[in-house]
Amino acid sequence: MTQQKTTPIQPPVVQDLPAEPEPAFGWTEYAERMNGRVAMIAFLALLLLEAVTHQDLFTWLGLR
């Protein structure tokens, strides 16, 4: 019977995540990222509204 040499399993090295930038005034990377996220959520909400009501946004708002 041969013995196998076992090596202990090392946990993965956890690297520090970059800090989230502080909100600031103007066109900053943080502001653009937040605007993009809000735009994606609004677009998805609009698609869901049209799918549920079978009407487009202008009809739903009473503009047609």
PDB file of N, CA and C in Angstrom:
ATOM      1  N   MET A   1       0.846  -1.171   0.000  1.00  0.00           N
ATOM      2  CA  MET A   1       0.000   0.000   0.000  1.00  0.00           C
ATOM      3  C   MET A   1       0.896   1.240   0.000  1.00  0.00           C
ATOM      4  N   THR A   2       0.660   2.107  -0.959  1.00  0.00           N
ATOM      5  CA  THR A   2       1.471   3.327  -1.021  1.00  0.00           C
ATOM      6  C   THR A   2       0.700   4.466  -0.393  1.00  0.00           C
ATOM      7  N   GLN A   3       1.420   5.300   0.271  1.00  0.00           N
ATOM      8  CA  GLN A   3       0.777   6.448   0.891  1.00  0.00           C
ATOM      9  C   GLN A   3       0.901   7.648  -0.043  1.00  0.00           C
ATOM     10  N   GLN A   4      -0.197   8.362  -0.152  1.00  0.00           N
ATOM     11  CA  GLN A   4      -0.169   9.567  -0.962  1.00  0.00           C
ATOM     12  C   GLN A   4       0.081  10.759  -0.056  1.00  0.00           C
ATOM     13  N   LYS A   5       0.870  11.647  -0.573  1.00  0.00           N
ATOM     14  CA  LYS A   5       1.169  12.852   0.175  1.00  0.00           C
ATOM     15  C   LYS A   5       0.044  13.863  -0.085  1.00  0.00           C
ATOM     16  N   THR A   6      -0.571  14.337   0.968  1.00  0.00           N
ATOM     17  CA  THR A   6      -1.649  15.306   0.800  1.00  0.00           C
ATOM     18  C   THR A   6      -1.154  16.685   1.205  1.00  0.00           C
ATOM     19  N   THR A   7      -1.593  17.632   0.442  1.00  0.00           N
ATOM     20  CA  THR A   7      -1.257  19.007   0.785  1.00  0.00           C
ATOM     21  C   THR A   7      -2.526  19.686   1.271  1.00  0.00           C
ATOM     22  N   PRO A   8      -2.416  20.500   2.290  1.00  0.00           N
ATOM     23  CA  PRO A   8      -3.625  21.164   2.791  1.00  0.00           C
ATOM     24  C   PRO A   8      -4.177  22.149   1.746  1.00  0.00           C
ATOM     25  N   ILE A   9      -5.479  22.236   1.713  1.00  0.00           N
ATOM     26  CA  ILE A   9      -6.138  23.133   0.760  1.00  0.00           C
ATOM     27  C   ILE A   9      -6.069  24.551   1.318  1.00  0.00           C
ATOM     28  N   GLN A  10      -5.538  25.439   0.508  1.00  0.00           N
ATOM     29  CA  GLN A  10      -5.404  26.834   0.912  1.00  0.00           C
ATOM     30  C   GLN A  10      -6.674  27.591   0.514  1.00  0.00           C
ATOM     31  N   PRO A  11      -7.201  28.428   1.410  1.00  0.00           N
ATOM     32  CA  PRO A  11      -8.355  29.237   1.017  1.00  0.00           C
ATOM     33  C   PRO A  11      -7.929  30.270  -0.020  1.00  0.00           C
ATOM     34  N   PRO A  12      -8.850  30.667  -0.883  1.00  0.00           N
ATOM     35  CA  PRO A  12      -8.490  31.662  -1.905  1.00  0.00           C
ATOM     36  C   PRO A  12      -8.139  32.994  -1.253  1.00  0.00           C
ATOM     37  N   VAL A  13      -7.247  33.706  -1.901  1.00  0.00           N
ATOM     38  CA  VAL A  13      -6.840  35.003  -1.403  1.00  0.00           C
ATOM     39  C   VAL A  13      -7.928  36.010  -1.750  1.00  0.00           C
ATOM     40  N   VAL A  14      -8.418  36.700  -0.742  1.00  0.00           N
ATOM     41  CA  VAL A  14      -9.472  37.690  -0.938  1.00  0.00           C
ATOM     42  C   VAL A  14      -8.821  39.054  -1.071  1.00  0.00           C
ATOM     43  N   GLN A  15      -9.075  39.677  -2.212  1.00  0.00           N
ATOM     44  CA  GLN A  15      -8.510  40.995  -2.434  1.00  0.00           C
ATOM     45  C   GLN A  15      -9.540  42.043  -2.030  1.00  0.00           C
ATOM     46  N   ASP A  16      -9.057  43.163  -1.554  1.00  0.00           N
ATOM     47  CA  ASP A  16      -9.955  44.247  -1.185  1.00  0.00           C
ATOM     48  C   ASP A  16     -10.625  44.803  -2.432  1.00  0.00           C
ATOM     49  N   LEU A  17     -11.930  45.005  -2.336  1.00  0.00           N
ATOM     50  CA  LEU A  17     -12.665  45.598  -3.443  1.00  0.00           C
ATOM     51  C   LEU A  17     -12.399  47.098  -3.463  1.00  0.00           C
ATOM     52  N   PRO A  18     -12.407  47.693  -4.646  1.00  0.00           N
ATOM     53  CA  PRO A  18     -12.203  49.143  -4.687  1.00  0.00           C
ATOM     54  C   PRO A  18     -13.367  49.848  -4.009  1.00  0.00           C
ATOM     55  N   ALA A  19     -13.071  50.908  -3.330  1.00  0.00           N
ATOM     56  CA  ALA A  19     -14.107  51.658  -2.619  1.00  0.00           C
ATOM     57  C   ALA A  19     -15.044  52.327  -3.613  1.00  0.00           C
ATOM     58  N   GLU A  20     -16.324  52.362  -3.274  1.00  0.00           N
ATOM     59  CA  GLU A  20     -17.311  53.043  -4.108  1.00  0.00           C
ATOM     60  C   GLU A  20     -17.049  54.544  -4.014  1.00  0.00           C
ATOM     61  N   PRO A  21     -16.977  55.221  -5.152  1.00  0.00           N
ATOM     62  CA  PRO A  21     -16.682  56.653  -5.097  1.00  0.00           C
ATOM     63  C   PRO A  21     -17.798  57.426  -4.391  1.00  0.00           C
ATOM     64  N   GLU A  22     -17.408  58.491  -3.753  1.00  0.00           N
ATOM     65  CA  GLU A  22     -18.366  59.341  -3.058  1.00  0.00           C
ATOM     66  C   GLU A  22     -19.189  60.136  -4.068  1.00  0.00           C
ATOM     67  N   PRO A  23     -20.473  60.343  -3.780  1.00  0.00           N
ATOM     68  CA  PRO A  23     -21.269  61.193  -4.667  1.00  0.00           C
ATOM     69  C   PRO A  23     -20.687  62.600  -4.725  1.00  0.00           C
ATOM     70  N   ALA A  24     -20.676  63.182  -5.893  1.00  0.00           N
ATOM     71  CA  ALA A  24     -20.139  64.525  -6.086  1.00  0.00           C
ATOM     72  C   ALA A  24     -20.992  65.241  -7.121  1.00  0.00           C
ATOM     73  N   PHE A  25     -20.840  66.535  -7.222  1.00  0.00           N
ATOM     74  CA  PHE A  25     -21.603  67.343  -8.166  1.00  0.00           C
ATOM     75  C   PHE A  25     -20.956  67.274  -9.541  1.00  0.00           C
ATOM     76  N   GLY A  26     -21.785  67.217 -10.572  1.00  0.00           N
ATOM     77  CA  GLY A  26     -21.266  67.255 -11.940  1.00  0.00           C
ATOM     78  C   GLY A  26     -21.263  65.891 -12.597  1.00  0.00           C
ATOM     79  N   TRP A  27     -20.658  65.840 -13.778  1.00  0.00           N
ATOM     80  CA  TRP A  27     -20.577  64.594 -14.541  1.00  0.00           C
ATOM     81  C   TRP A  27     -19.400  63.787 -14.058  1.00  0.00           C
ATOM     82  N   THR A  28     -19.654  62.992 -13.069  1.00  0.00           N
ATOM     83  CA  THR A  28     -18.616  62.127 -12.538  1.00  0.00           C
ATOM     84  C   THR A  28     -18.920  60.694 -12.951  1.00  0.00           C
ATOM     85  N   GLU A  29     -17.968  59.820 -12.765  1.00  0.00           N
ATOM     86  CA  GLU A  29     -18.179  58.413 -13.097  1.00  0.00           C
ATOM     87  C   GLU A  29     -19.311  57.833 -12.259  1.00  0.00           C
ATOM     88  N   TYR A  30     -19.366  58.233 -10.996  1.00  0.00           N
ATOM     89  CA  TYR A  30     -20.423  57.747 -10.108  1.00  0.00           C
ATOM     90  C   TYR A  30     -21.803  58.186 -10.614  1.00  0.00           C
ATOM     91  N   ALA A  31     -21.922  59.468 -10.985  1.00  0.00           N
ATOM     92  CA  ALA A  31     -23.203  59.990 -11.460  1.00  0.00           C
ATOM     93  C   ALA A  31     -23.635  59.292 -12.749  1.00  0.00           C
ATOM     94  N   GLU A  32     -22.709  59.077 -13.650  1.00  0.00           N
ATOM     95  CA  GLU A  32     -23.041  58.409 -14.910  1.00  0.00           C
ATOM     96  C   GLU A  32     -23.459  56.961 -14.679  1.00  0.00           C
ATOM     97  N   ARG A  33     -22.807  56.294 -13.740  1.00  0.00           N
ATOM     98  CA  ARG A  33     -23.170  54.910 -13.430  1.00  0.00           C
ATOM     99  C   ARG A  33     -24.585  54.860 -12.847  1.00  0.00           C
ATOM    100  N   MET A  34     -24.901  55.779 -11.945  1.00  0.00           N
ATOM    101  CA  MET A  34     -26.230  55.798 -11.339  1.00  0.00           C
ATOM    102  C   MET A  34     -27.295  56.157 -12.379  1.00  0.00           C
ATOM    103  N   ASN A  35     -27.012  57.115 -13.263  1.00  0.00           N
ATOM    104  CA  ASN A  35     -27.957  57.470 -14.323  1.00  0.00           C
ATOM    105  C   ASN A  35     -28.228  56.284 -15.242  1.00  0.00           C
ATOM    106  N   GLY A  36     -27.189  55.536 -15.564  1.00  0.00           N
ATOM    107  CA  GLY A  36     -27.364  54.360 -16.409  1.00  0.00           C
ATOM    108  C   GLY A  36     -28.220  53.302 -15.746  1.00  0.00           C
ATOM    109  N   ARG A  37     -28.011  53.098 -14.456  1.00  0.00           N
ATOM    110  CA  ARG A  37     -28.810  52.101 -13.728  1.00  0.00           C
ATOM    111  C   ARG A  37     -30.278  52.505 -13.676  1.00  0.00           C
ATOM    112  N   VAL A  38     -30.533  53.785 -13.402  1.00  0.00           N
ATOM    113  CA  VAL A  38     -31.914  54.265 -13.353  1.00  0.00           C
ATOM    114  C   VAL A  38     -32.563  54.159 -14.729  1.00  0.00           C
ATOM    115  N   ALA A  39     -31.820  54.466 -15.781  1.00  0.00           N
ATOM    116  CA  ALA A  39     -32.363  54.369 -17.135  1.00  0.00           C
ATOM    117  C   ALA A  39     -32.717  52.922 -17.483  1.00  0.00           C
ATOM    118  N   MET A  40     -31.887  51.972 -17.085  1.00  0.00           N
ATOM    119  CA  MET A  40     -32.180  50.565 -17.377  1.00  0.00           C
ATOM    120  C   MET A  40     -33.425  50.098 -16.629  1.00  0.00           C
ATOM    121  N   ILE A  41     -33.574  50.532 -15.379  1.00  0.00           N
ATOM    122  CA  ILE A  41     -34.750  50.152 -14.595  1.00  0.00           C
ATOM    123  C   ILE A  41     -36.003  50.771 -15.204  1.00  0.00           C
ATOM    124  N   ALA A  42     -35.922  52.039 -15.620  1.00  0.00           N
ATOM    125  CA  ALA A  42     -37.074  52.713 -16.217  1.00  0.00           C
ATOM    126  C   ALA A  42     -37.469  52.059 -17.541  1.00  0.00           C
ATOM    127  N   PHE A  43     -36.492  51.680 -18.342  1.00  0.00           N
ATOM    128  CA  PHE A  43     -36.787  51.025 -19.616  1.00  0.00           C
ATOM    129  C   PHE A  43     -37.472  49.679 -19.386  1.00  0.00           C
ATOM    130  N   LEU A  44     -36.994  48.926 -18.417  1.00  0.00           N
ATOM    131  CA  LEU A  44     -37.615  47.642 -18.092  1.00  0.00           C
ATOM    132  C   LEU A  44     -39.037  47.854 -17.579  1.00  0.00           C
ATOM    133  N   ALA A  45     -39.239  48.875 -16.747  1.00  0.00           N
ATOM    134  CA  ALA A  45     -40.580  49.169 -16.243  1.00  0.00           C
ATOM    135  C   ALA A  45     -41.522  49.531 -17.388  1.00  0.00           C
ATOM    136  N   LEU A  46     -41.035  50.282 -18.366  1.00  0.00           N
ATOM    137  CA  LEU A  46     -41.850  50.650 -19.523  1.00  0.00           C
ATOM    138  C   LEU A  46     -42.231  49.415 -20.338  1.00  0.00           C
ATOM    139  N   LEU A  47     -41.284  48.516 -20.535  1.00  0.00           N
ATOM    140  CA  LEU A  47     -41.593  47.280 -21.265  1.00  0.00           C
ATOM    141  C   LEU A  47     -42.624  46.439 -20.517  1.00  0.00           C
ATOM    142  N   LEU A  48     -42.493  46.349 -19.209  1.00  0.00           N
ATOM    143  CA  LEU A  48     -43.458  45.589 -18.415  1.00  0.00           C
ATOM    144  C   LEU A  48     -44.837  46.239 -18.453  1.00  0.00           C
ATOM    145  N   LEU A  49     -44.890  47.570 -18.402  1.00  0.00           N
ATOM    146  CA  LEU A  49     -46.154  48.287 -18.484  1.00  0.00           C
ATOM    147  C   LEU A  49     -46.867  47.987 -19.799  1.00  0.00           C
ATOM    148  N   GLU A  50     -46.125  48.014 -20.894  1.00  0.00           N
ATOM    149  CA  GLU A  50     -46.725  47.731 -22.192  1.00  0.00           C
ATOM    150  C   GLU A  50     -47.158  46.273 -22.302  1.00  0.00           C
ATOM    151  N   ALA A  51     -46.390  45.366 -21.705  1.00  0.00           N
ATOM    152  CA  ALA A  51     -46.745  43.949 -21.775  1.00  0.00           C
ATOM    153  C   ALA A  51     -48.004  43.653 -20.972  1.00  0.00           C
ATOM    154  N   VAL A  52     -48.163  44.311 -19.836  1.00  0.00           N
ATOM    155  CA  VAL A  52     -49.309  44.035 -18.970  1.00  0.00           C
ATOM    156  C   VAL A  52     -50.575  44.715 -19.483  1.00  0.00           C
ATOM    157  N   THR A  53     -50.480  45.978 -19.910  1.00  0.00           N
ATOM    158  CA  THR A  53     -51.670  46.735 -20.301  1.00  0.00           C
ATOM    159  C   THR A  53     -51.994  46.639 -21.786  1.00  0.00           C
ATOM    160  N   HIS A  54     -51.079  46.145 -22.603  1.00  0.00           N
ATOM    161  CA  HIS A  54     -51.241  46.069 -24.065  1.00  0.00           C
ATOM    162  C   HIS A  54     -51.479  47.448 -24.671  1.00  0.00           C
ATOM    163  N   GLN A  55     -50.921  48.480 -24.030  1.00  0.00           N
ATOM    164  CA  GLN A  55     -50.990  49.847 -24.536  1.00  0.00           C
ATOM    165  C   GLN A  55     -49.595  50.447 -24.471  1.00  0.00           C
ATOM    166  N   ASP A  56     -49.326  51.378 -25.395  1.00  0.00           N
ATOM    167  CA  ASP A  56     -48.028  52.034 -25.314  1.00  0.00           C
ATOM    168  C   ASP A  56     -48.076  53.142 -24.268  1.00  0.00           C
ATOM    169  N   LEU A  57     -46.947  53.753 -24.007  1.00  0.00           N
ATOM    170  CA  LEU A  57     -46.839  54.756 -22.949  1.00  0.00           C
ATOM    171  C   LEU A  57     -47.738  55.958 -23.205  1.00  0.00           C
ATOM    172  N   PHE A  58     -47.787  56.435 -24.455  1.00  0.00           N
ATOM    173  CA  PHE A  58     -48.577  57.619 -24.757  1.00  0.00           C
ATOM    174  C   PHE A  58     -50.079  57.361 -24.550  1.00  0.00           C
ATOM    175  N   THR A  59     -50.541  56.173 -24.905  1.00  0.00           N
ATOM    176  CA  THR A  59     -51.949  55.826 -24.667  1.00  0.00           C
ATOM    177  C   THR A  59     -52.218  55.720 -23.180  1.00  0.00           C
ATOM    178  N   TRP A  60     -51.295  55.123 -22.451  1.00  0.00           N
ATOM    179  CA  TRP A  60     -51.448  54.962 -21.013  1.00  0.00           C
ATOM    180  C   TRP A  60     -51.481  56.312 -20.298  1.00  0.00           C
ATOM    181  N   LEU A  61     -50.724  57.283 -20.805  1.00  0.00           N
ATOM    182  CA  LEU A  61     -50.719  58.623 -20.214  1.00  0.00           C
ATOM    183  C   LEU A  61     -51.884  59.475 -20.688  1.00  0.00           C
ATOM    184  N   GLY A  62     -52.649  59.008 -21.678  1.00  0.00           N
ATOM    185  CA  GLY A  62     -53.796  59.742 -22.186  1.00  0.00           C
ATOM    186  C   GLY A  62     -53.426  60.788 -23.223  1.00  0.00           C
ATOM    187  N   LEU A  63     -52.298  60.615 -23.895  1.00  0.00           N
ATOM    188  CA  LEU A  63     -51.858  61.580 -24.901  1.00  0.00           C
ATOM    189  C   LEU A  63     -52.290  61.195 -26.306  1.00  0.00           C
ATOM    190  N   ARG A  64     -52.940  60.061 -26.475  1.00  0.00           N
ATOM    191  CA  ARG A  64     -53.445  59.639 -27.784  1.00  0.00           C
ATOM    192  C   ARG A  64     -54.931  59.537 -27.742  1.00  0.00           C
TER     193      ARG A  64
END
